[in-house]
Amino acid sequence: MEAKGKGQPSGPVVFTANRLGDGRSVWLAPGDRWSDSIADAELFEGAAIAEARARAEAWAKRQVVVGPYDIAVAPGAAGPTPVTMRERIRAMGPSVGPDSAAWRAQAQ
């Protein structure tokens, strides 16, 4: 599987996917696990991106997650922040449905 972006990332990235069991957005975290919170995501740069991509794809082959890919982020004290609006929305959680109250509260 190839990254959605064009070319090699020029800065730090995290890997995201959707958990197969419930469709939730998840992020590859230290210890070779997936987390529901982007704050737990492991940052990758340079040559480490290819190794992380292989780890993420191995999880997809085991049918734990679907569609893993890297996203550009800006590191921060509270954890990485996605560069694109689409990925910021995914990181905030569901925007509709029973779990959307927390998302709406964060957006205000």
PDB file of N, CA and C in Angstrom:
ATOM      1  N   MET A   1       0.838  -1.174   0.000  1.00  0.00           N
ATOM      2  CA  MET A   1       0.000   0.000   0.000  1.00  0.00           C
ATOM      3  C   MET A   1       0.878   1.231   0.000  1.00  0.00           C
ATOM      4  N   GLU A   2       0.517   2.228  -0.761  1.00  0.00           N
ATOM      5  CA  GLU A   2       1.295   3.451  -0.836  1.00  0.00           C
ATOM      6  C   GLU A   2       0.613   4.541  -0.044  1.00  0.00           C
ATOM      7  N   ALA A   3       1.393   5.532   0.368  1.00  0.00           N
ATOM      8  CA  ALA A   3       0.846   6.681   1.088  1.00  0.00           C
ATOM      9  C   ALA A   3      -0.106   7.442   0.169  1.00  0.00           C
ATOM     10  N   LYS A   4      -1.083   8.104   0.768  1.00  0.00           N
ATOM     11  CA  LYS A   4      -2.028   8.874  -0.019  1.00  0.00           C
ATOM     12  C   LYS A   4      -1.390  10.133  -0.599  1.00  0.00           C
ATOM     13  N   GLY A   5      -0.415  10.679   0.114  1.00  0.00           N
ATOM     14  CA  GLY A   5       0.220  11.907  -0.337  1.00  0.00           C
ATOM     15  C   GLY A   5       1.094  11.677  -1.551  1.00  0.00           C
ATOM     16  N   LYS A   6       1.565  12.753  -2.151  1.00  0.00           N
ATOM     17  CA  LYS A   6       2.430  12.650  -3.322  1.00  0.00           C
ATOM     18  C   LYS A   6       3.872  12.784  -2.877  1.00  0.00           C
ATOM     19  N   GLY A   7       4.724  11.875  -3.323  1.00  0.00           N
ATOM     20  CA  GLY A   7       6.143  11.958  -3.019  1.00  0.00           C
ATOM     21  C   GLY A   7       6.463  11.586  -1.584  1.00  0.00           C
ATOM     22  N   GLN A   8       7.720  11.806  -1.203  1.00  0.00           N
ATOM     23  CA  GLN A   8       8.184  11.522   0.154  1.00  0.00           C
ATOM     24  C   GLN A   8       7.765  12.650   1.080  1.00  0.00           C
ATOM     25  N   PRO A   9       7.293  12.323   2.285  1.00  0.00           N
ATOM     26  CA  PRO A   9       6.967  13.379   3.250  1.00  0.00           C
ATOM     27  C   PRO A   9       8.214  14.182   3.594  1.00  0.00           C
ATOM     28  N   SER A  10       8.058  15.482   3.786  1.00  0.00           N
ATOM     29  CA  SER A  10       9.208  16.332   4.089  1.00  0.00           C
ATOM     30  C   SER A  10       9.357  16.578   5.593  1.00  0.00           C
ATOM     31  N   GLY A  11       8.402  16.172   6.371  1.00  0.00           N
ATOM     32  CA  GLY A  11       8.465  16.388   7.809  1.00  0.00           C
ATOM     33  C   GLY A  11       7.933  15.185   8.554  1.00  0.00           C
ATOM     34  N   PRO A  12       7.638  15.356   9.834  1.00  0.00           N
ATOM     35  CA  PRO A  12       7.160  14.225  10.630  1.00  0.00           C
ATOM     36  C   PRO A  12       5.775  13.756  10.191  1.00  0.00           C
ATOM     37  N   VAL A  13       5.569  12.463  10.328  1.00  0.00           N
ATOM     38  CA  VAL A  13       4.272  11.855  10.008  1.00  0.00           C
ATOM     39  C   VAL A  13       3.867  10.914  11.130  1.00  0.00           C
ATOM     40  N   VAL A  14       2.584  10.613  11.174  1.00  0.00           N
ATOM     41  CA  VAL A  14       2.054   9.534  11.996  1.00  0.00           C
ATOM     42  C   VAL A  14       1.283   8.625  11.056  1.00  0.00           C
ATOM     43  N   PHE A  15       1.019   7.405  11.497  1.00  0.00           N
ATOM     44  CA  PHE A  15       0.233   6.484  10.684  1.00  0.00           C
ATOM     45  C   PHE A  15      -1.142   6.343  11.293  1.00  0.00           C
ATOM     46  N   THR A  16      -2.142   6.399  10.439  1.00  0.00           N
ATOM     47  CA  THR A  16      -3.521   6.258  10.853  1.00  0.00           C
ATOM     48  C   THR A  16      -4.178   5.164  10.023  1.00  0.00           C
ATOM     49  N   ALA A  17      -5.282   4.655  10.536  1.00  0.00           N
ATOM     50  CA  ALA A  17      -6.072   3.633   9.853  1.00  0.00           C
ATOM     51  C   ALA A  17      -7.446   3.644  10.504  1.00  0.00           C
ATOM     52  N   ASN A  18      -8.291   2.743  10.077  1.00  0.00           N
ATOM     53  CA  ASN A  18      -9.572   2.534  10.743  1.00  0.00           C
ATOM     54  C   ASN A  18      -9.565   1.132  11.322  1.00  0.00           C
ATOM     55  N   ARG A  19      -9.991   1.043  12.581  1.00  0.00           N
ATOM     56  CA  ARG A  19     -10.068  -0.265  13.234  1.00  0.00           C
ATOM     57  C   ARG A  19     -11.167  -1.059  12.552  1.00  0.00           C
ATOM     58  N   LEU A  20     -10.871  -2.285  12.196  1.00  0.00           N
ATOM     59  CA  LEU A  20     -11.799  -3.101  11.427  1.00  0.00           C
ATOM     60  C   LEU A  20     -13.063  -3.433  12.215  1.00  0.00           C
ATOM     61  N   GLY A  21     -12.943  -3.641  13.511  1.00  0.00           N
ATOM     62  CA  GLY A  21     -14.095  -4.039  14.319  1.00  0.00           C
ATOM     63  C   GLY A  21     -15.201  -3.008  14.403  1.00  0.00           C
ATOM     64  N   ASP A  22     -14.830  -1.706  14.480  1.00  0.00           N
ATOM     65  CA  ASP A  22     -15.861  -0.681  14.673  1.00  0.00           C
ATOM     66  C   ASP A  22     -15.697   0.545  13.772  1.00  0.00           C
ATOM     67  N   GLY A  23     -14.676   0.566  12.934  1.00  0.00           N
ATOM     68  CA  GLY A  23     -14.495   1.671  11.996  1.00  0.00           C
ATOM     69  C   GLY A  23     -13.853   2.912  12.574  1.00  0.00           C
ATOM     70  N   ARG A  24     -13.524   2.915  13.847  1.00  0.00           N
ATOM     71  CA  ARG A  24     -12.936   4.099  14.481  1.00  0.00           C
ATOM     72  C   ARG A  24     -11.564   4.419  13.905  1.00  0.00           C
ATOM     73  N   SER A  25     -11.237   5.710  13.869  1.00  0.00           N
ATOM     74  CA  SER A  25      -9.896   6.148  13.488  1.00  0.00           C
ATOM     75  C   SER A  25      -8.936   5.784  14.606  1.00  0.00           C
ATOM     76  N   VAL A  26      -7.791   5.227  14.231  1.00  0.00           N
ATOM     77  CA  VAL A  26      -6.762   4.856  15.192  1.00  0.00           C
ATOM     78  C   VAL A  26      -5.401   5.287  14.663  1.00  0.00           C
ATOM     79  N   TRP A  27      -4.421   5.395  15.585  1.00  0.00           N
ATOM     80  CA  TRP A  27      -3.083   5.855  15.245  1.00  0.00           C
ATOM     81  C   TRP A  27      -2.061   4.870  15.780  1.00  0.00           C
ATOM     82  N   LEU A  28      -1.022   4.618  14.985  1.00  0.00           N
ATOM     83  CA  LEU A  28       0.044   3.706  15.378  1.00  0.00           C
ATOM     84  C   LEU A  28       0.838   4.343  16.514  1.00  0.00           C
ATOM     85  N   ALA A  29       0.933   3.626  17.617  1.00  0.00           N
ATOM     86  CA  ALA A  29       1.558   4.140  18.835  1.00  0.00           C
ATOM     87  C   ALA A  29       2.804   3.331  19.175  1.00  0.00           C
ATOM     88  N   PRO A  30       3.653   3.864  20.050  1.00  0.00           N
ATOM     89  CA  PRO A  30       4.826   3.099  20.491  1.00  0.00           C
ATOM     90  C   PRO A  30       4.404   1.743  21.063  1.00  0.00           C
ATOM     91  N   GLY A  31       5.276   0.768  20.931  1.00  0.00           N
ATOM     92  CA  GLY A  31       4.958  -0.572  21.417  1.00  0.00           C
ATOM     93  C   GLY A  31       4.189  -1.392  20.404  1.00  0.00           C
ATOM     94  N   ASP A  32       4.181  -0.926  19.139  1.00  0.00           N
ATOM     95  CA  ASP A  32       3.496  -1.637  18.055  1.00  0.00           C
ATOM     96  C   ASP A  32       2.047  -1.939  18.410  1.00  0.00           C
ATOM     97  N   ARG A  33       1.310  -0.873  18.733  1.00  0.00           N
ATOM     98  CA  ARG A  33      -0.107  -0.984  19.049  1.00  0.00           C
ATOM     99  C   ARG A  33      -0.833   0.181  18.389  1.00  0.00           C
ATOM    100  N   TRP A  34      -2.165   0.102  18.362  1.00  0.00           N
ATOM    101  CA  TRP A  34      -2.995   1.177  17.815  1.00  0.00           C
ATOM    102  C   TRP A  34      -3.718   1.861  18.959  1.00  0.00           C
ATOM    103  N   SER A  35      -3.810   3.179  18.904  1.00  0.00           N
ATOM    104  CA  SER A  35      -4.476   3.961  19.940  1.00  0.00           C
ATOM    105  C   SER A  35      -5.650   4.725  19.347  1.00  0.00           C
ATOM    106  N   ASP A  36      -6.666   4.947  20.168  1.00  0.00           N
ATOM    107  CA  ASP A  36      -7.818   5.762  19.761  1.00  0.00           C
ATOM    108  C   ASP A  36      -7.479   7.250  19.756  1.00  0.00           C
ATOM    109  N   SER A  37      -6.364   7.629  20.373  1.00  0.00           N
ATOM    110  CA  SER A  37      -6.001   9.037  20.522  1.00  0.00           C
ATOM    111  C   SER A  37      -4.759   9.378  19.715  1.00  0.00           C
ATOM    112  N   ILE A  38      -4.844  10.425  18.915  1.00  0.00           N
ATOM    113  CA  ILE A  38      -3.676  10.864  18.150  1.00  0.00           C
ATOM    114  C   ILE A  38      -2.570  11.348  19.079  1.00  0.00           C
ATOM    115  N   ALA A  39      -2.929  11.764  20.297  1.00  0.00           N
ATOM    116  CA  ALA A  39      -1.913  12.209  21.258  1.00  0.00           C
ATOM    117  C   ALA A  39      -0.921  11.093  21.574  1.00  0.00           C
ATOM    118  N   ASP A  40      -1.338   9.849  21.421  1.00  0.00           N
ATOM    119  CA  ASP A  40      -0.470   8.695  21.684  1.00  0.00           C
ATOM    120  C   ASP A  40       0.358   8.276  20.469  1.00  0.00           C
ATOM    121  N   ALA A  41       0.108   8.879  19.321  1.00  0.00           N
ATOM    122  CA  ALA A  41       0.743   8.443  18.077  1.00  0.00           C
ATOM    123  C   ALA A  41       2.256   8.630  18.120  1.00  0.00           C
ATOM    124  N   GLU A  42       2.946   7.673  17.510  1.00  0.00           N
ATOM    125  CA  GLU A  42       4.401   7.737  17.389  1.00  0.00           C
ATOM    126  C   GLU A  42       4.759   8.544  16.144  1.00  0.00           C
ATOM    127  N   LEU A  43       5.715   9.466  16.271  1.00  0.00           N
ATOM    128  CA  LEU A  43       6.173  10.279  15.148  1.00  0.00           C
ATOM    129  C   LEU A  43       7.270   9.543  14.379  1.00  0.00           C
ATOM    130  N   PHE A  44       7.230   9.669  13.065  1.00  0.00           N
ATOM    131  CA  PHE A  44       8.241   9.048  12.208  1.00  0.00           C
ATOM    132  C   PHE A  44       8.764  10.082  11.228  1.00  0.00           C
ATOM    133  N   GLU A  45      10.073  10.008  10.962  1.00  0.00           N
ATOM    134  CA  GLU A  45      10.702  10.883   9.975  1.00  0.00           C
ATOM    135  C   GLU A  45      11.739  10.092   9.193  1.00  0.00           C
ATOM    136  N   GLY A  46      12.022  10.556   8.002  1.00  0.00           N
ATOM    137  CA  GLY A  46      13.088   9.971   7.195  1.00  0.00           C
ATOM    138  C   GLY A  46      12.912   8.493   6.929  1.00  0.00           C
ATOM    139  N   ALA A  47      14.008   7.741   7.119  1.00  0.00           N
ATOM    140  CA  ALA A  47      14.015   6.310   6.825  1.00  0.00           C
ATOM    141  C   ALA A  47      13.068   5.519   7.718  1.00  0.00           C
ATOM    142  N   ALA A  48      12.725   6.036   8.896  1.00  0.00           N
ATOM    143  CA  ALA A  48      11.830   5.336   9.816  1.00  0.00           C
ATOM    144  C   ALA A  48      10.410   5.224   9.261  1.00  0.00           C
ATOM    145  N   ILE A  49      10.061   6.066   8.301  1.00  0.00           N
ATOM    146  CA  ILE A  49       8.712   6.037   7.732  1.00  0.00           C
ATOM    147  C   ILE A  49       8.459   4.715   7.007  1.00  0.00           C
ATOM    148  N   ALA A  50       9.427   4.243   6.251  1.00  0.00           N
ATOM    149  CA  ALA A  50       9.248   2.981   5.516  1.00  0.00           C
ATOM    150  C   ALA A  50       9.058   1.813   6.475  1.00  0.00           C
ATOM    151  N   GLU A  51       9.820   1.777   7.556  1.00  0.00           N
ATOM    152  CA  GLU A  51       9.679   0.707   8.553  1.00  0.00           C
ATOM    153  C   GLU A  51       8.309   0.781   9.214  1.00  0.00           C
ATOM    154  N   ALA A  52       7.861   1.979   9.543  1.00  0.00           N
ATOM    155  CA  ALA A  52       6.545   2.150  10.166  1.00  0.00           C
ATOM    156  C   ALA A  52       5.427   1.756   9.210  1.00  0.00           C
ATOM    157  N   ARG A  53       5.596   2.072   7.934  1.00  0.00           N
ATOM    158  CA  ARG A  53       4.596   1.690   6.926  1.00  0.00           C
ATOM    159  C   ARG A  53       4.465   0.172   6.873  1.00  0.00           C
ATOM    160  N   ALA A  54       5.595  -0.525   6.939  1.00  0.00           N
ATOM    161  CA  ALA A  54       5.567  -1.995   6.937  1.00  0.00           C
ATOM    162  C   ALA A  54       4.856  -2.523   8.181  1.00  0.00           C
ATOM    163  N   ARG A  55       5.102  -1.919   9.334  1.00  0.00           N
ATOM    164  CA  ARG A  55       4.406  -2.321  10.570  1.00  0.00           C
ATOM    165  C   ARG A  55       2.900  -2.120  10.428  1.00  0.00           C
ATOM    166  N   ALA A  56       2.502  -0.951   9.915  1.00  0.00           N
ATOM    167  CA  ALA A  56       1.074  -0.643   9.765  1.00  0.00           C
ATOM    168  C   ALA A  56       0.412  -1.612   8.789  1.00  0.00           C
ATOM    169  N   GLU A  57       1.094  -1.904   7.700  1.00  0.00           N
ATOM    170  CA  GLU A  57       0.530  -2.821   6.708  1.00  0.00           C
ATOM    171  C   GLU A  57       0.433  -4.244   7.253  1.00  0.00           C
ATOM    172  N   ALA A  58       1.358  -4.623   8.146  1.00  0.00           N
ATOM    173  CA  ALA A  58       1.279  -5.950   8.769  1.00  0.00           C
ATOM    174  C   ALA A  58       0.011  -6.068   9.612  1.00  0.00           C
ATOM    175  N   TRP A  59      -0.362  -4.990  10.279  1.00  0.00           N
ATOM    176  CA  TRP A  59      -1.613  -4.999  11.056  1.00  0.00           C
ATOM    177  C   TRP A  59      -2.818  -5.146  10.123  1.00  0.00           C
ATOM    178  N   ALA A  60      -2.756  -4.511   8.966  1.00  0.00           N
ATOM    179  CA  ALA A  60      -3.860  -4.628   8.000  1.00  0.00           C
ATOM    180  C   ALA A  60      -3.957  -6.058   7.478  1.00  0.00           C
ATOM    181  N   LYS A  61      -2.820  -6.695   7.241  1.00  0.00           N
ATOM    182  CA  LYS A  61      -2.839  -8.085   6.768  1.00  0.00           C
ATOM    183  C   LYS A  61      -3.418  -9.026   7.820  1.00  0.00           C
ATOM    184  N   ARG A  62      -3.261  -8.671   9.104  1.00  0.00           N
ATOM    185  CA  ARG A  62      -3.848  -9.475  10.192  1.00  0.00           C
ATOM    186  C   ARG A  62      -5.317  -9.124  10.424  1.00  0.00           C
ATOM    187  N   GLN A  63      -5.836  -8.195   9.614  1.00  0.00           N
ATOM    188  CA  GLN A  63      -7.237  -7.772   9.659  1.00  0.00           C
ATOM    189  C   GLN A  63      -7.632  -7.153  11.000  1.00  0.00           C
ATOM    190  N   VAL A  64      -6.721  -6.345  11.541  1.00  0.00           N
ATOM    191  CA  VAL A  64      -7.007  -5.575  12.756  1.00  0.00           C
ATOM    192  C   VAL A  64      -7.425  -4.164  12.371  1.00  0.00           C
ATOM    193  N   VAL A  65      -6.747  -3.612  11.352  1.00  0.00           N
ATOM    194  CA  VAL A  65      -7.071  -2.287  10.829  1.00  0.00           C
ATOM    195  C   VAL A  65      -7.218  -2.386   9.323  1.00  0.00           C
ATOM    196  N   VAL A  66      -7.793  -1.326   8.749  1.00  0.00           N
ATOM    197  CA  VAL A  66      -7.952  -1.271   7.301  1.00  0.00           C
ATOM    198  C   VAL A  66      -7.463   0.095   6.815  1.00  0.00           C
ATOM    199  N   GLY A  67      -6.797   0.085   5.671  1.00  0.00           N
ATOM    200  CA  GLY A  67      -6.392   1.318   5.012  1.00  0.00           C
ATOM    201  C   GLY A  67      -5.362   2.171   5.723  1.00  0.00           C
ATOM    202  N   PRO A  68      -4.294   1.595   6.278  1.00  0.00           N
ATOM    203  CA  PRO A  68      -3.309   2.443   6.952  1.00  0.00           C
ATOM    204  C   PRO A  68      -2.575   3.353   5.970  1.00  0.00           C
ATOM    205  N   TYR A  69      -2.295   4.574   6.409  1.00  0.00           N
ATOM    206  CA  TYR A  69      -1.530   5.526   5.607  1.00  0.00           C
ATOM    207  C   TYR A  69      -0.899   6.561   6.519  1.00  0.00           C
ATOM    208  N   ASP A  70       0.110   7.256   6.002  1.00  0.00           N
ATOM    209  CA  ASP A  70       0.771   8.279   6.801  1.00  0.00           C
ATOM    210  C   ASP A  70       0.141   9.639   6.551  1.00  0.00           C
ATOM    211  N   ILE A  71       0.184  10.481   7.592  1.00  0.00           N
ATOM    212  CA  ILE A  71      -0.304  11.853   7.468  1.00  0.00           C
ATOM    213  C   ILE A  71       0.747  12.793   8.043  1.00  0.00           C
ATOM    214  N   ALA A  72       0.882  13.940   7.419  1.00  0.00           N
ATOM    215  CA  ALA A  72       1.806  14.964   7.901  1.00  0.00           C
ATOM    216  C   ALA A  72       1.239  15.586   9.177  1.00  0.00           C
ATOM    217  N   VAL A  73       2.123  15.810  10.145  1.00  0.00           N
ATOM    218  CA  VAL A  73       1.716  16.409  11.413  1.00  0.00           C
ATOM    219  C   VAL A  73       2.719  17.470  11.840  1.00  0.00           C
ATOM    220  N   ALA A  74       2.247  18.341  12.729  1.00  0.00           N
ATOM    221  CA  ALA A  74       3.117  19.296  13.409  1.00  0.00           C
ATOM    222  C   ALA A  74       3.236  18.815  14.848  1.00  0.00           C
ATOM    223  N   PRO A  75       4.459  18.556  15.322  1.00  0.00           N
ATOM    224  CA  PRO A  75       4.616  18.109  16.711  1.00  0.00           C
ATOM    225  C   PRO A  75       4.198  19.216  17.675  1.00  0.00           C
ATOM    226  N   GLY A  76       3.707  18.823  18.835  1.00  0.00           N
ATOM    227  CA  GLY A  76       3.317  19.798  19.845  1.00  0.00           C
ATOM    228  C   GLY A  76       3.344  19.193  21.233  1.00  0.00           C
ATOM    229  N   ALA A  77       3.259  20.031  22.236  1.00  0.00           N
ATOM    230  CA  ALA A  77       3.310  19.574  23.626  1.00  0.00           C
ATOM    231  C   ALA A  77       2.163  18.623  23.949  1.00  0.00           C
ATOM    232  N   ALA A  78       1.004  18.843  23.330  1.00  0.00           N
ATOM    233  CA  ALA A  78      -0.170  17.999  23.593  1.00  0.00           C
ATOM    234  C   ALA A  78      -0.249  16.824  22.628  1.00  0.00           C
ATOM    235  N   GLY A  79       0.783  16.637  21.834  1.00  0.00           N
ATOM    236  CA  GLY A  79       0.787  15.565  20.846  1.00  0.00           C
ATOM    237  C   GLY A  79       0.775  16.141  19.453  1.00  0.00           C
ATOM    238  N   PRO A  80       0.872  15.283  18.454  1.00  0.00           N
ATOM    239  CA  PRO A  80       0.915  15.760  17.067  1.00  0.00           C
ATOM    240  C   PRO A  80      -0.426  16.328  16.616  1.00  0.00           C
ATOM    241  N   THR A  81      -0.356  17.358  15.774  1.00  0.00           N
ATOM    242  CA  THR A  81      -1.554  17.958  15.185  1.00  0.00           C
ATOM    243  C   THR A  81      -1.497  17.756  13.679  1.00  0.00           C
ATOM    244  N   PRO A  82      -2.519  17.124  13.114  1.00  0.00           N
ATOM    245  CA  PRO A  82      -2.532  16.933  11.656  1.00  0.00           C
ATOM    246  C   PRO A  82      -2.467  18.268  10.923  1.00  0.00           C
ATOM    247  N   VAL A  83      -1.790  18.274   9.789  1.00  0.00           N
ATOM    248  CA  VAL A  83      -1.631  19.478   8.991  1.00  0.00           C
ATOM    249  C   VAL A  83      -2.908  19.797   8.224  1.00  0.00           C
ATOM    250  N   THR A  84      -3.607  18.780   7.720  1.00  0.00           N
ATOM    251  CA  THR A  84      -4.798  19.022   6.901  1.00  0.00           C
ATOM    252  C   THR A  84      -6.077  19.022   7.747  1.00  0.00           C
ATOM    253  N   MET A  85      -7.045  19.778   7.286  1.00  0.00           N
ATOM    254  CA  MET A  85      -8.328  19.857   7.995  1.00  0.00           C
ATOM    255  C   MET A  85      -9.015  18.495   8.049  1.00  0.00           C
ATOM    256  N   ARG A  86      -8.962  17.742   6.965  1.00  0.00           N
ATOM    257  CA  ARG A  86      -9.608  16.419   6.935  1.00  0.00           C
ATOM    258  C   ARG A  86      -9.084  15.553   8.073  1.00  0.00           C
ATOM    259  N   GLU A  87      -7.775  15.534   8.242  1.00  0.00           N
ATOM    260  CA  GLU A  87      -7.192  14.685   9.280  1.00  0.00           C
ATOM    261  C   GLU A  87      -7.426  15.257  10.675  1.00  0.00           C
ATOM    262  N   ARG A  88      -7.530  16.574  10.808  1.00  0.00           N
ATOM    263  CA  ARG A  88      -7.889  17.155  12.118  1.00  0.00           C
ATOM    264  C   ARG A  88      -9.286  16.710  12.523  1.00  0.00           C
ATOM    265  N   ILE A  89     -10.202  16.685  11.572  1.00  0.00           N
ATOM    266  CA  ILE A  89     -11.571  16.245  11.859  1.00  0.00           C
ATOM    267  C   ILE A  89     -11.567  14.775  12.263  1.00  0.00           C
ATOM    268  N   ARG A  90     -10.825  13.933  11.544  1.00  0.00           N
ATOM    269  CA  ARG A  90     -10.736  12.500  11.901  1.00  0.00           C
ATOM    270  C   ARG A  90     -10.170  12.326  13.310  1.00  0.00           C
ATOM    271  N   ALA A  91      -9.171  13.145  13.661  1.00  0.00           N
ATOM    272  CA  ALA A  91      -8.522  13.032  14.970  1.00  0.00           C
ATOM    273  C   ALA A  91      -9.458  13.426  16.110  1.00  0.00           C
ATOM    274  N   MET A  92     -10.429  14.292  15.840  1.00  0.00           N
ATOM    275  CA  MET A  92     -11.356  14.747  16.885  1.00  0.00           C
ATOM    276  C   MET A  92     -12.415  13.708  17.214  1.00  0.00           C
ATOM    277  N   GLY A  93     -12.613  12.741  16.340  1.00  0.00           N
ATOM    278  CA  GLY A  93     -13.608  11.712  16.602  1.00  0.00           C
ATOM    279  C   GLY A  93     -14.838  11.885  15.743  1.00  0.00           C
ATOM    280  N   PRO A  94     -15.835  11.030  15.941  1.00  0.00           N
ATOM    281  CA  PRO A  94     -17.039  11.088  15.106  1.00  0.00           C
ATOM    282  C   PRO A  94     -17.711  12.450  15.188  1.00  0.00           C
ATOM    283  N   SER A  95     -18.124  12.983  14.044  1.00  0.00           N
ATOM    284  CA  SER A  95     -18.800  14.280  14.023  1.00  0.00           C
ATOM    285  C   SER A  95     -20.320  14.136  14.015  1.00  0.00           C
ATOM    286  N   VAL A  96     -20.815  12.915  13.902  1.00  0.00           N
ATOM    287  CA  VAL A  96     -22.246  12.639  13.981  1.00  0.00           C
ATOM    288  C   VAL A  96     -22.448  11.357  14.771  1.00  0.00           C
ATOM    289  N   GLY A  97     -23.650  11.145  15.239  1.00  0.00           N
ATOM    290  CA  GLY A  97     -23.954   9.916  15.959  1.00  0.00           C
ATOM    291  C   GLY A  97     -23.841  10.092  17.466  1.00  0.00           C
ATOM    292  N   PRO A  98     -24.004   8.995  18.192  1.00  0.00           N
ATOM    293  CA  PRO A  98     -24.059   9.069  19.649  1.00  0.00           C
ATOM    294  C   PRO A  98     -22.776   9.574  20.301  1.00  0.00           C
ATOM    295  N   ASP A  99     -21.630   9.432  19.630  1.00  0.00           N
ATOM    296  CA  ASP A  99     -20.364   9.886  20.204  1.00  0.00           C
ATOM    297  C   ASP A  99     -20.001  11.306  19.784  1.00  0.00           C
ATOM    298  N   SER A 100     -20.881  12.006  19.098  1.00  0.00           N
ATOM    299  CA  SER A 100     -20.529  13.305  18.536  1.00  0.00           C
ATOM    300  C   SER A 100     -20.596  14.446  19.543  1.00  0.00           C
ATOM    301  N   ALA A 101     -21.176  14.261  20.720  1.00  0.00           N
ATOM    302  CA  ALA A 101     -21.261  15.349  21.700  1.00  0.00           C
ATOM    303  C   ALA A 101     -19.878  15.853  22.086  1.00  0.00           C
ATOM    304  N   ALA A 102     -18.945  14.961  22.296  1.00  0.00           N
ATOM    305  CA  ALA A 102     -17.575  15.374  22.641  1.00  0.00           C
ATOM    306  C   ALA A 102     -16.947  16.130  21.480  1.00  0.00           C
ATOM    307  N   TRP A 103     -17.191  15.677  20.265  1.00  0.00           N
ATOM    308  CA  TRP A 103     -16.638  16.348  19.088  1.00  0.00           C
ATOM    309  C   TRP A 103     -17.190  17.764  18.986  1.00  0.00           C
ATOM    310  N   ARG A 104     -18.496  17.918  19.154  1.00  0.00           N
ATOM    311  CA  ARG A 104     -19.105  19.248  19.056  1.00  0.00           C
ATOM    312  C   ARG A 104     -18.578  20.168  20.144  1.00  0.00           C
ATOM    313  N   ALA A 105     -18.371  19.657  21.356  1.00  0.00           N
ATOM    314  CA  ALA A 105     -17.857  20.469  22.449  1.00  0.00           C
ATOM    315  C   ALA A 105     -16.444  20.954  22.149  1.00  0.00           C
ATOM    316  N   GLN A 106     -15.611  20.117  21.546  1.00  0.00           N
ATOM    317  CA  GLN A 106     -14.241  20.498  21.204  1.00  0.00           C
ATOM    318  C   GLN A 106     -14.224  21.533  20.080  1.00  0.00           C
ATOM    319  N   ALA A 107     -15.178  21.455  19.180  1.00  0.00           N
ATOM    320  CA  ALA A 107     -15.204  22.336  18.019  1.00  0.00           C
ATOM    321  C   ALA A 107     -15.658  23.744  18.372  1.00  0.00           C
ATOM    322  N   GLN A 108     -16.309  23.921  19.496  1.00  0.00           N
ATOM    323  CA  GLN A 108     -16.834  25.260  19.862  1.00  0.00           C
ATOM    324  C   GLN A 108     -15.795  26.124  20.483  1.00  0.00           C
TER     325      GLN A 108
END
